[in-house]
Amino acid sequence: MSAERPGQQLRAIVDRSECFGFGFCVETLPAVFSLNGEGKSTPLDVDADQVLLAQAADACPRSAITLVPRSDRGGRAAAG
């Protein structure tokens, strides 16, 4: 997870080369994450509970999820 400021809205970026499709992110926050046809996590850039978003990122056993500020369109690999 990236450094953040209090109250800052974050979004998720998934490094699909690291995602093994365990689905813990989907279980934690199905409004944001889903598994695509390849079984890889695909996040939506939507308003989400920031605590649950952080929990979903922390739950990833491959550390494939990075949280970045909503205004930042950069990051690792493909975003959903």
Protein backbone atom coordinates (compact mmCIF):
# COMPACT_ATOMS: atom_id res chain seq x y z
CA MET A 1 0.00 0.00 0.00
CA SER A 2 1.26 3.49 -0.74
CA ALA A 3 1.74 6.37 1.67
CA GLU A 4 -1.43 8.33 2.18
CA ARG A 5 -2.70 11.49 3.81
CA PRO A 6 -5.67 11.39 6.20
CA GLY A 7 -8.94 11.77 4.31
CA GLN A 8 -7.30 11.15 0.93
CA GLN A 9 -9.38 9.02 -1.43
CA LEU A 10 -7.49 6.05 -2.84
CA ARG A 11 -8.00 3.63 -5.70
CA ALA A 12 -6.53 0.21 -6.34
CA ILE A 13 -4.09 -0.86 -9.02
CA VAL A 14 -3.47 -4.57 -9.55
CA ASP A 15 -0.17 -5.90 -10.88
CA ARG A 16 -1.67 -8.73 -12.91
CA SER A 17 1.72 -10.39 -13.32
CA GLU A 18 1.67 -10.91 -9.54
CA CYS A 19 -2.05 -11.73 -9.18
CA PHE A 20 -2.71 -15.45 -8.83
CA GLY A 21 -6.50 -15.00 -8.54
CA PHE A 22 -6.92 -16.13 -4.94
CA GLY A 23 -9.93 -13.78 -4.71
CA PHE A 24 -9.40 -12.48 -1.17
CA CYS A 25 -9.83 -8.93 -2.52
CA VAL A 26 -13.17 -9.92 -4.09
CA GLU A 27 -14.33 -11.47 -0.81
CA THR A 28 -13.32 -8.34 1.11
CA LEU A 29 -14.69 -5.73 -1.29
CA PRO A 30 -16.82 -7.14 -4.14
CA ALA A 31 -18.04 -3.63 -5.05
CA VAL A 32 -14.50 -2.84 -6.24
CA PHE A 33 -12.83 -6.12 -7.20
CA SER A 34 -13.82 -8.95 -9.52
CA LEU A 35 -11.92 -11.71 -11.28
CA ASN A 36 -11.68 -11.36 -15.06
CA GLY A 37 -11.82 -14.19 -17.62
CA GLU A 38 -8.17 -15.01 -16.91
CA GLY A 39 -8.87 -15.29 -13.18
CA LYS A 40 -6.98 -12.06 -12.43
CA SER A 41 -8.25 -9.32 -10.14
CA THR A 42 -9.77 -6.33 -11.88
CA PRO A 43 -10.48 -3.25 -9.75
CA LEU A 44 -13.03 -0.57 -10.50
CA ASP A 45 -12.10 3.06 -9.86
CA VAL A 46 -15.17 3.83 -7.76
CA ASP A 47 -15.84 5.45 -4.43
CA ALA A 48 -15.24 2.75 -1.85
CA ASP A 49 -14.91 2.39 1.88
CA GLN A 50 -11.25 3.26 2.33
CA VAL A 51 -10.83 0.93 5.32
CA LEU A 52 -12.17 -2.02 3.31
CA LEU A 53 -10.02 -1.02 0.35
CA ALA A 54 -6.92 -1.13 2.56
CA GLN A 55 -8.03 -4.47 4.02
CA ALA A 56 -8.45 -5.91 0.53
CA ALA A 57 -4.95 -4.76 -0.45
CA ASP A 58 -3.50 -6.17 2.76
CA ALA A 59 -5.31 -9.48 2.23
CA CYS A 60 -3.54 -10.14 -1.07
CA PRO A 61 -0.98 -12.90 -0.41
CA ARG A 62 1.04 -11.82 -3.47
CA SER A 63 1.02 -8.09 -2.58
CA ALA A 64 -0.32 -7.46 -6.08
CA ILE A 65 -2.57 -4.59 -5.02
CA THR A 66 -1.23 -1.06 -4.63
CA LEU A 67 -3.32 1.85 -3.42
CA VAL A 68 -2.71 5.22 -5.02
CA PRO A 69 -4.45 8.60 -4.75
CA ARG A 70 -7.56 8.75 -6.91
CA SER A 71 -6.03 11.64 -8.90
CA ASP A 72 -2.89 9.59 -9.69
CA ARG A 73 -3.32 7.61 -12.92
CA GLY A 74 0.18 6.08 -12.72
CA GLY A 75 1.24 2.94 -10.93
CA ARG A 76 2.12 -0.66 -11.53
CA ALA A 77 0.77 -2.75 -14.37
CA ALA A 78 -2.80 -2.65 -15.57
CA ALA A 79 -5.62 -1.15 -13.60
CA GLY A 80 -9.20 -2.17 -14.02
